[in-house]
Amino acid sequence: MEPTGRYAGGVSFVPTQDGWLVHTPGEDFLAVSAPEGDRPDRPPLDDPDLTEVFAEEGVLEPVPARRPGAVALTGDGPLFEAVGLLLDRAGLTAEDEEVAVRVAVAPWLRDRLFRRLDAEARDTGTALHVGFAEGRRWYAGPFWTGPATASYEDLRLRRLAASPWPEELGAHWAWLDAGGAPEPGPAHPPGAHVAAALIVADVWAYLHGRDAPGTGVQAGFDPATGRLTRHPVLPVPGGLMTEQP
């Protein structure tokens, strides 16, 4: 029988007298008997009963097929460097083909840039992920993957609508766009690696046909407390909320 999948990451095969003790990705244990004759270093995948159990327990997973398209990374600062490093290690560096996902990151919020890329993504259908620092937190998302999901434009409209200081918030963003910058820079630059890991995990999932946890969600990491929060962002229906001049 031809194997229908591969062993998932995080699986351990501990030899026992009769076979193996399998430690699953979900941190459970399975006792598996070894076939007669020479024992391989892991259970063979030509037993349909065994592969069925392994699939149910998450030990076996389908071989993911990568959709075509490149990953284009735009930005600067510590988050840009961290995302670039992780994209490379995940084998997702940009290729010489049409862009499938654009990632735009910055050391602080770049409202004008993100809005422009948001509009371009909606016109082309190219998935868009964003990340930046604000205050002492690093943010990832929301990850826009299509018309039914929330994007940066939805996030900014909802933030302005919910803020008790919408004019001050808009003025702060405009100041950053005009060249202003926090002093002495984004808080705790190493915290950017947490946001980078979330972004790259989403991109990998999307390109391999899986549900990306950051789709329509903004995650925020506070290095001062170690707390990670995730806030779903709902798409704004057309014409429901508009920014006043």
C-alpha atoms as a PDB file:
ATOM      1  CA  MET A   1       0.000   0.000   0.000  1.00  0.00           C
ATOM      2  CA  GLU A   2       1.368   3.442  -0.929  1.00  0.00           C
ATOM      3  CA  PRO A   3       1.546   5.871   2.040  1.00  0.00           C
ATOM      4  CA  THR A   4      -1.078   8.619   1.840  1.00  0.00           C
ATOM      5  CA  GLY A   5       0.686  11.148   4.070  1.00  0.00           C
ATOM      6  CA  ARG A   6       3.731  11.899   6.172  1.00  0.00           C
ATOM      7  CA  TYR A   7       4.564  11.978   9.838  1.00  0.00           C
ATOM      8  CA  ALA A   8       3.632  15.309  11.406  1.00  0.00           C
ATOM      9  CA  GLY A   9       6.199  17.503  13.079  1.00  0.00           C
ATOM     10  CA  GLY A  10       6.637  16.908  16.797  1.00  0.00           C
ATOM     11  CA  VAL A  11       6.091  13.129  16.709  1.00  0.00           C
ATOM     12  CA  SER A  12       8.459  10.934  18.778  1.00  0.00           C
ATOM     13  CA  PHE A  13       8.985   7.178  18.431  1.00  0.00           C
ATOM     14  CA  VAL A  14      10.371   5.658  21.636  1.00  0.00           C
ATOM     15  CA  PRO A  15      11.559   2.035  21.187  1.00  0.00           C
ATOM     16  CA  THR A  16       9.988  -0.499  23.543  1.00  0.00           C
ATOM     17  CA  GLN A  17      10.390  -4.249  23.945  1.00  0.00           C
ATOM     18  CA  ASP A  18       7.386  -4.916  21.694  1.00  0.00           C
ATOM     19  CA  GLY A  19       7.506  -1.948  19.320  1.00  0.00           C
ATOM     20  CA  TRP A  20       7.238   1.776  19.929  1.00  0.00           C
ATOM     21  CA  LEU A  21       5.722   4.262  22.323  1.00  0.00           C
ATOM     22  CA  VAL A  22       4.471   7.066  20.080  1.00  0.00           C
ATOM     23  CA  HIS A  23       4.305  10.561  21.556  1.00  0.00           C
ATOM     24  CA  THR A  24       1.811  12.475  19.421  1.00  0.00           C
ATOM     25  CA  PRO A  25       1.790  16.185  18.470  1.00  0.00           C
ATOM     26  CA  GLY A  26      -1.146  16.549  20.881  1.00  0.00           C
ATOM     27  CA  GLU A  27       1.101  15.182  23.674  1.00  0.00           C
ATOM     28  CA  ASP A  28      -0.745  11.882  24.043  1.00  0.00           C
ATOM     29  CA  PHE A  29       0.800   8.397  23.868  1.00  0.00           C
ATOM     30  CA  LEU A  30       0.099   5.416  21.610  1.00  0.00           C
ATOM     31  CA  ALA A  31       1.547   1.924  22.062  1.00  0.00           C
ATOM     32  CA  VAL A  32       2.344   0.342  18.693  1.00  0.00           C
ATOM     33  CA  SER A  33       3.536  -3.218  18.151  1.00  0.00           C
ATOM     34  CA  ALA A  34       6.441  -3.827  15.808  1.00  0.00           C
ATOM     35  CA  PRO A  35       6.086  -6.164  12.806  1.00  0.00           C
ATOM     36  CA  GLU A  36       8.010  -9.420  12.784  1.00  0.00           C
ATOM     37  CA  GLY A  37      11.582  -9.334  11.493  1.00  0.00           C
ATOM     38  CA  ASP A  38      13.894  -6.345  11.468  1.00  0.00           C
ATOM     39  CA  ARG A  39      12.439  -3.385  13.296  1.00  0.00           C
ATOM     40  CA  PRO A  40      12.687  -0.008  11.474  1.00  0.00           C
ATOM     41  CA  ASP A  41      13.273   3.206  13.394  1.00  0.00           C
ATOM     42  CA  ARG A  42       9.580   4.078  13.122  1.00  0.00           C
ATOM     43  CA  PRO A  43       6.335   2.227  12.352  1.00  0.00           C
ATOM     44  CA  PRO A  44       5.794   1.483   8.652  1.00  0.00           C
ATOM     45  CA  LEU A  45       2.979   3.252   6.842  1.00  0.00           C
ATOM     46  CA  ASP A  46       1.729   0.318   4.762  1.00  0.00           C
ATOM     47  CA  ASP A  47      -0.818  -0.868   7.364  1.00  0.00           C
ATOM     48  CA  PRO A  48      -4.221   0.763   6.644  1.00  0.00           C
ATOM     49  CA  ASP A  49      -5.463   0.231  10.222  1.00  0.00           C
ATOM     50  CA  LEU A  50      -2.349   1.867  11.632  1.00  0.00           C
ATOM     51  CA  THR A  51      -2.431   4.817   9.245  1.00  0.00           C
ATOM     52  CA  GLU A  52      -6.099   5.403  10.063  1.00  0.00           C
ATOM     53  CA  VAL A  53      -5.343   5.623  13.784  1.00  0.00           C
ATOM     54  CA  PHE A  54      -2.310   7.819  13.134  1.00  0.00           C
ATOM     55  CA  ALA A  55      -4.392  10.187  11.026  1.00  0.00           C
ATOM     56  CA  GLU A  56      -7.056  10.461  13.740  1.00  0.00           C
ATOM     57  CA  GLU A  57      -4.427  11.208  16.391  1.00  0.00           C
ATOM     58  CA  GLY A  58      -2.574  13.774  14.283  1.00  0.00           C
ATOM     59  CA  VAL A  59       0.526  11.592  13.961  1.00  0.00           C
ATOM     60  CA  LEU A  60       0.053  11.408  10.205  1.00  0.00           C
ATOM     61  CA  GLU A  61      -0.790  14.433   8.074  1.00  0.00           C
ATOM     62  CA  PRO A  62      -1.404  14.951   4.352  1.00  0.00           C
ATOM     63  CA  VAL A  63       1.571  16.199   2.387  1.00  0.00           C
ATOM     64  CA  PRO A  64       0.764  19.922   1.944  1.00  0.00           C
ATOM     65  CA  ALA A  65       0.690  21.221  -1.602  1.00  0.00           C
ATOM     66  CA  ARG A  66       2.018  24.750  -1.986  1.00  0.00           C
ATOM     67  CA  ARG A  67      -0.038  27.092  -4.125  1.00  0.00           C
ATOM     68  CA  PRO A  68       1.964  28.977  -6.770  1.00  0.00           C
ATOM     69  CA  GLY A  69       3.112  32.513  -6.177  1.00  0.00           C
ATOM     70  CA  ALA A  70       5.793  34.539  -4.470  1.00  0.00           C
ATOM     71  CA  VAL A  71       5.887  36.230  -1.065  1.00  0.00           C
ATOM     72  CA  ALA A  72       6.762  39.921  -1.333  1.00  0.00           C
ATOM     73  CA  LEU A  73       8.077  41.573   1.836  1.00  0.00           C
ATOM     74  CA  THR A  74       7.908  45.365   2.205  1.00  0.00           C
ATOM     75  CA  GLY A  75       9.128  47.519   5.086  1.00  0.00           C
ATOM     76  CA  ASP A  76      12.034  48.186   7.429  1.00  0.00           C
ATOM     77  CA  GLY A  77      13.110  47.900  11.045  1.00  0.00           C
ATOM     78  CA  PRO A  78      13.378  44.936  13.437  1.00  0.00           C
ATOM     79  CA  LEU A  79      10.094  43.354  12.356  1.00  0.00           C
ATOM     80  CA  PHE A  80      11.170  43.482   8.707  1.00  0.00           C
ATOM     81  CA  GLU A  81      14.440  41.721   9.577  1.00  0.00           C
ATOM     82  CA  ALA A  82      12.706  39.091  11.720  1.00  0.00           C
ATOM     83  CA  VAL A  83      10.035  38.299   9.123  1.00  0.00           C
ATOM     84  CA  GLY A  84      12.644  38.056   6.367  1.00  0.00           C
ATOM     85  CA  LEU A  85      14.717  35.614   8.423  1.00  0.00           C
ATOM     86  CA  LEU A  86      11.743  33.386   9.207  1.00  0.00           C
ATOM     87  CA  LEU A  87      10.434  33.441   5.639  1.00  0.00           C
ATOM     88  CA  ASP A  88      13.837  32.248   4.482  1.00  0.00           C
ATOM     89  CA  ARG A  89      14.017  29.478   7.086  1.00  0.00           C
ATOM     90  CA  ALA A  90      10.483  28.356   6.213  1.00  0.00           C
ATOM     91  CA  GLY A  91      11.384  28.148   2.525  1.00  0.00           C
ATOM     92  CA  LEU A  92       9.001  30.983   1.657  1.00  0.00           C
ATOM     93  CA  THR A  93      11.410  33.527   0.248  1.00  0.00           C
ATOM     94  CA  ALA A  94      10.224  35.455  -2.790  1.00  0.00           C
ATOM     95  CA  GLU A  95      10.438  33.682  -6.103  1.00  0.00           C
ATOM     96  CA  ASP A  96      10.473  35.038  -9.646  1.00  0.00           C
ATOM     97  CA  GLU A  97       6.741  34.648 -10.189  1.00  0.00           C
ATOM     98  CA  GLU A  98       3.485  36.469  -9.574  1.00  0.00           C
ATOM     99  CA  VAL A  99       3.014  37.652  -5.994  1.00  0.00           C
ATOM    100  CA  ALA A 100       0.551  35.523  -4.000  1.00  0.00           C
ATOM    101  CA  VAL A 101       1.064  37.171  -0.596  1.00  0.00           C
ATOM    102  CA  ARG A 102       2.335  40.622   0.301  1.00  0.00           C
ATOM    103  CA  VAL A 103       3.685  41.272   3.794  1.00  0.00           C
ATOM    104  CA  ALA A 104       4.077  44.912   4.860  1.00  0.00           C
ATOM    105  CA  VAL A 105       5.746  45.633   8.201  1.00  0.00           C
ATOM    106  CA  ALA A 106       7.204  48.687   9.909  1.00  0.00           C
ATOM    107  CA  PRO A 107       8.767  49.753  13.229  1.00  0.00           C
ATOM    108  CA  TRP A 108       5.627  51.855  13.853  1.00  0.00           C
ATOM    109  CA  LEU A 109       2.280  52.289  12.164  1.00  0.00           C
ATOM    110  CA  ARG A 110       2.472  53.524   8.549  1.00  0.00           C
ATOM    111  CA  ASP A 111      -1.144  54.402   7.914  1.00  0.00           C
ATOM    112  CA  ARG A 112      -0.753  55.864   4.438  1.00  0.00           C
ATOM    113  CA  LEU A 113       1.351  52.934   3.192  1.00  0.00           C
ATOM    114  CA  PHE A 114      -0.928  50.293   4.667  1.00  0.00           C
ATOM    115  CA  ARG A 115      -4.020  51.951   3.203  1.00  0.00           C
ATOM    116  CA  ARG A 116      -2.458  52.081  -0.253  1.00  0.00           C
ATOM    117  CA  LEU A 117      -1.409  48.424  -0.089  1.00  0.00           C
ATOM    118  CA  ASP A 118      -4.852  47.512   1.245  1.00  0.00           C
ATOM    119  CA  ALA A 119      -6.523  49.118  -1.783  1.00  0.00           C
ATOM    120  CA  GLU A 120      -4.083  47.406  -4.155  1.00  0.00           C
ATOM    121  CA  ALA A 121      -4.724  44.038  -2.505  1.00  0.00           C
ATOM    122  CA  ARG A 122      -8.467  44.413  -2.944  1.00  0.00           C
ATOM    123  CA  ASP A 123      -7.988  45.341  -6.607  1.00  0.00           C
ATOM    124  CA  THR A 124      -5.685  42.410  -7.378  1.00  0.00           C
ATOM    125  CA  GLY A 125      -6.947  39.804  -4.926  1.00  0.00           C
ATOM    126  CA  THR A 126      -3.444  39.396  -3.479  1.00  0.00           C
ATOM    127  CA  ALA A 127      -3.416  38.375   0.190  1.00  0.00           C
ATOM    128  CA  LEU A 128      -2.019  41.056   2.513  1.00  0.00           C
ATOM    129  CA  HIS A 129      -0.526  40.762   5.996  1.00  0.00           C
ATOM    130  CA  VAL A 130       0.627  43.743   8.070  1.00  0.00           C
ATOM    131  CA  GLY A 131       2.667  44.237  11.225  1.00  0.00           C
ATOM    132  CA  PHE A 132       3.954  47.165  13.270  1.00  0.00           C
ATOM    133  CA  ALA A 133       4.713  48.436  16.776  1.00  0.00           C
ATOM    134  CA  GLU A 134       2.482  50.870  18.629  1.00  0.00           C
ATOM    135  CA  GLY A 135       3.140  52.029  22.160  1.00  0.00           C
ATOM    136  CA  ARG A 136       4.937  49.158  23.882  1.00  0.00           C
ATOM    137  CA  ARG A 137       3.264  46.388  21.832  1.00  0.00           C
ATOM    138  CA  TRP A 138       4.033  44.616  18.584  1.00  0.00           C
ATOM    139  CA  TYR A 139       1.061  43.840  16.359  1.00  0.00           C
ATOM    140  CA  ALA A 140       0.466  41.274  13.619  1.00  0.00           C
ATOM    141  CA  GLY A 141      -2.522  41.464  11.319  1.00  0.00           C
ATOM    142  CA  PRO A 142      -5.229  41.370  10.392  1.00  0.00           C
ATOM    143  CA  PHE A 143      -4.336  39.006   7.545  1.00  0.00           C
ATOM    144  CA  TRP A 144      -6.570  39.750   4.551  1.00  0.00           C
ATOM    145  CA  THR A 145      -7.141  36.754   2.276  1.00  0.00           C
ATOM    146  CA  GLY A 146     -10.259  37.772   0.380  1.00  0.00           C
ATOM    147  CA  PRO A 147     -13.435  39.896   0.369  1.00  0.00           C
ATOM    148  CA  ALA A 148     -15.003  38.009   3.275  1.00  0.00           C
ATOM    149  CA  THR A 149     -12.126  38.780   5.672  1.00  0.00           C
ATOM    150  CA  ALA A 150     -11.113  41.957   7.486  1.00  0.00           C
ATOM    151  CA  SER A 151      -8.170  44.038   6.317  1.00  0.00           C
ATOM    152  CA  TYR A 152      -6.150  46.963   7.638  1.00  0.00           C
ATOM    153  CA  GLU A 153      -8.791  49.389   6.310  1.00  0.00           C
ATOM    154  CA  ASP A 154     -11.459  47.650   8.385  1.00  0.00           C
ATOM    155  CA  LEU A 155      -9.183  47.759  11.430  1.00  0.00           C
ATOM    156  CA  ARG A 156      -8.483  51.493  11.161  1.00  0.00           C
ATOM    157  CA  LEU A 157     -12.152  52.379  10.669  1.00  0.00           C
ATOM    158  CA  ARG A 158     -13.181  50.357  13.696  1.00  0.00           C
ATOM    159  CA  ARG A 159     -10.366  51.826  15.785  1.00  0.00           C
ATOM    160  CA  LEU A 160     -11.409  55.368  14.907  1.00  0.00           C
ATOM    161  CA  ALA A 161     -15.049  54.580  15.628  1.00  0.00           C
ATOM    162  CA  ALA A 162     -14.255  52.989  19.005  1.00  0.00           C
ATOM    163  CA  SER A 163     -11.652  55.500  20.202  1.00  0.00           C
ATOM    164  CA  PRO A 164     -12.621  58.226  22.690  1.00  0.00           C
ATOM    165  CA  TRP A 165      -9.971  60.373  20.942  1.00  0.00           C
ATOM    166  CA  PRO A 166     -10.455  59.753  17.206  1.00  0.00           C
ATOM    167  CA  GLU A 167      -9.072  63.155  16.175  1.00  0.00           C
ATOM    168  CA  GLU A 168      -5.970  62.705  18.305  1.00  0.00           C
ATOM    169  CA  LEU A 169      -5.485  59.170  16.988  1.00  0.00           C
ATOM    170  CA  GLY A 170      -5.735  60.370  13.396  1.00  0.00           C
ATOM    171  CA  ALA A 171      -3.316  63.221  14.144  1.00  0.00           C
ATOM    172  CA  HIS A 172      -0.814  60.762  15.603  1.00  0.00           C
ATOM    173  CA  TRP A 173      -0.945  58.585  12.499  1.00  0.00           C
ATOM    174  CA  ALA A 174      -0.560  61.634  10.257  1.00  0.00           C
ATOM    175  CA  TRP A 175       2.476  62.762  12.278  1.00  0.00           C
ATOM    176  CA  LEU A 176       4.089  59.320  11.835  1.00  0.00           C
ATOM    177  CA  ASP A 177       3.365  59.430   8.095  1.00  0.00           C
ATOM    178  CA  ALA A 178       5.015  62.867   7.912  1.00  0.00           C
ATOM    179  CA  GLY A 179       8.268  61.510   9.352  1.00  0.00           C
ATOM    180  CA  GLY A 180       7.606  61.544  13.073  1.00  0.00           C
ATOM    181  CA  ALA A 181       8.878  58.645  15.160  1.00  0.00           C
ATOM    182  CA  PRO A 182       8.565  57.402  18.742  1.00  0.00           C
ATOM    183  CA  GLU A 183      11.512  58.132  21.032  1.00  0.00           C
ATOM    184  CA  PRO A 184      13.927  56.451  21.201  1.00  0.00           C
ATOM    185  CA  GLY A 185      12.240  54.009  18.811  1.00  0.00           C
ATOM    186  CA  PRO A 186       9.883  51.011  19.014  1.00  0.00           C
ATOM    187  CA  ALA A 187       9.708  49.507  22.489  1.00  0.00           C
ATOM    188  CA  HIS A 188      11.730  46.330  23.109  1.00  0.00           C
ATOM    189  CA  PRO A 189      12.778  45.411  19.528  1.00  0.00           C
ATOM    190  CA  PRO A 190      13.243  41.684  20.389  1.00  0.00           C
ATOM    191  CA  GLY A 191       9.459  41.533  20.812  1.00  0.00           C
ATOM    192  CA  ALA A 192       9.245  41.880  17.039  1.00  0.00           C
ATOM    193  CA  HIS A 193      10.211  38.208  16.725  1.00  0.00           C
ATOM    194  CA  VAL A 194       6.907  37.128  18.285  1.00  0.00           C
ATOM    195  CA  ALA A 195       4.904  39.157  15.776  1.00  0.00           C
ATOM    196  CA  ALA A 196       7.147  37.857  12.982  1.00  0.00           C
ATOM    197  CA  ALA A 197       6.502  34.237  13.964  1.00  0.00           C
ATOM    198  CA  LEU A 198       2.738  34.825  13.885  1.00  0.00           C
ATOM    199  CA  ILE A 199       2.919  36.488  10.469  1.00  0.00           C
ATOM    200  CA  VAL A 200       5.080  33.799   8.881  1.00  0.00           C
ATOM    201  CA  ALA A 201       2.944  30.997  10.357  1.00  0.00           C
ATOM    202  CA  ASP A 202      -0.104  32.605   8.730  1.00  0.00           C
ATOM    203  CA  VAL A 203       1.650  32.961   5.372  1.00  0.00           C
ATOM    204  CA  TRP A 204       2.827  29.337   5.455  1.00  0.00           C
ATOM    205  CA  ALA A 205      -0.678  28.093   6.283  1.00  0.00           C
ATOM    206  CA  TYR A 206      -2.274  30.178   3.533  1.00  0.00           C
ATOM    207  CA  LEU A 207       0.188  29.049   0.867  1.00  0.00           C
ATOM    208  CA  HIS A 208      -0.328  25.403   1.842  1.00  0.00           C
ATOM    209  CA  GLY A 209      -4.117  25.467   1.772  1.00  0.00           C
ATOM    210  CA  ARG A 210      -4.662  25.576   5.523  1.00  0.00           C
ATOM    211  CA  ASP A 211      -6.624  27.945   7.725  1.00  0.00           C
ATOM    212  CA  ALA A 212      -4.386  30.808   8.831  1.00  0.00           C
ATOM    213  CA  PRO A 213      -5.139  31.715  12.488  1.00  0.00           C
ATOM    214  CA  GLY A 214      -4.464  35.398  11.790  1.00  0.00           C
ATOM    215  CA  THR A 215      -7.081  35.724   9.055  1.00  0.00           C
ATOM    216  CA  GLY A 216      -9.220  38.703  10.075  1.00  0.00           C
ATOM    217  CA  VAL A 217      -7.481  38.829  13.475  1.00  0.00           C
ATOM    218  CA  GLN A 218      -5.083  41.323  15.022  1.00  0.00           C
ATOM    219  CA  ALA A 219      -2.636  39.801  17.506  1.00  0.00           C
ATOM    220  CA  GLY A 220      -0.770  42.031  19.934  1.00  0.00           C
ATOM    221  CA  PHE A 221       2.289  41.073  21.976  1.00  0.00           C
ATOM    222  CA  ASP A 222       3.351  43.090  25.030  1.00  0.00           C
ATOM    223  CA  PRO A 223       7.016  42.334  25.856  1.00  0.00           C
ATOM    224  CA  ALA A 224       6.642  44.083  29.230  1.00  0.00           C
ATOM    225  CA  THR A 225       4.089  41.544  30.461  1.00  0.00           C
ATOM    226  CA  GLY A 226       4.639  38.624  28.074  1.00  0.00           C
ATOM    227  CA  ARG A 227       0.941  38.746  27.242  1.00  0.00           C
ATOM    228  CA  LEU A 228      -0.335  37.855  23.776  1.00  0.00           C
ATOM    229  CA  THR A 229      -3.859  38.970  22.848  1.00  0.00           C
ATOM    230  CA  ARG A 230      -5.925  38.177  19.761  1.00  0.00           C
ATOM    231  CA  HIS A 231      -8.814  40.377  18.643  1.00  0.00           C
ATOM    232  CA  PRO A 232     -11.107  39.351  15.772  1.00  0.00           C
ATOM    233  CA  VAL A 233     -11.733  42.219  13.349  1.00  0.00           C
ATOM    234  CA  LEU A 234     -15.036  42.236  11.480  1.00  0.00           C
ATOM    235  CA  PRO A 235     -15.200  43.552   7.912  1.00  0.00           C
ATOM    236  CA  VAL A 236     -16.931  46.917   7.676  1.00  0.00           C
ATOM    237  CA  PRO A 237     -19.909  46.812   5.298  1.00  0.00           C
ATOM    238  CA  GLY A 238     -19.543  49.290   2.480  1.00  0.00           C
ATOM    239  CA  GLY A 239     -20.838  52.738   3.410  1.00  0.00           C
ATOM    240  CA  LEU A 240     -21.582  51.792   7.038  1.00  0.00           C
ATOM    241  CA  MET A 241     -18.679  53.757   8.529  1.00  0.00           C
ATOM    242  CA  THR A 242     -16.800  56.535   6.774  1.00  0.00           C
ATOM    243  CA  GLU A 243     -14.006  58.741   8.010  1.00  0.00           C
ATOM    244  CA  GLN A 244     -15.006  62.353   8.397  1.00  0.00           C
ATOM    245  CA  PRO A 245     -12.622  64.927   6.883  1.00  0.00           C
END
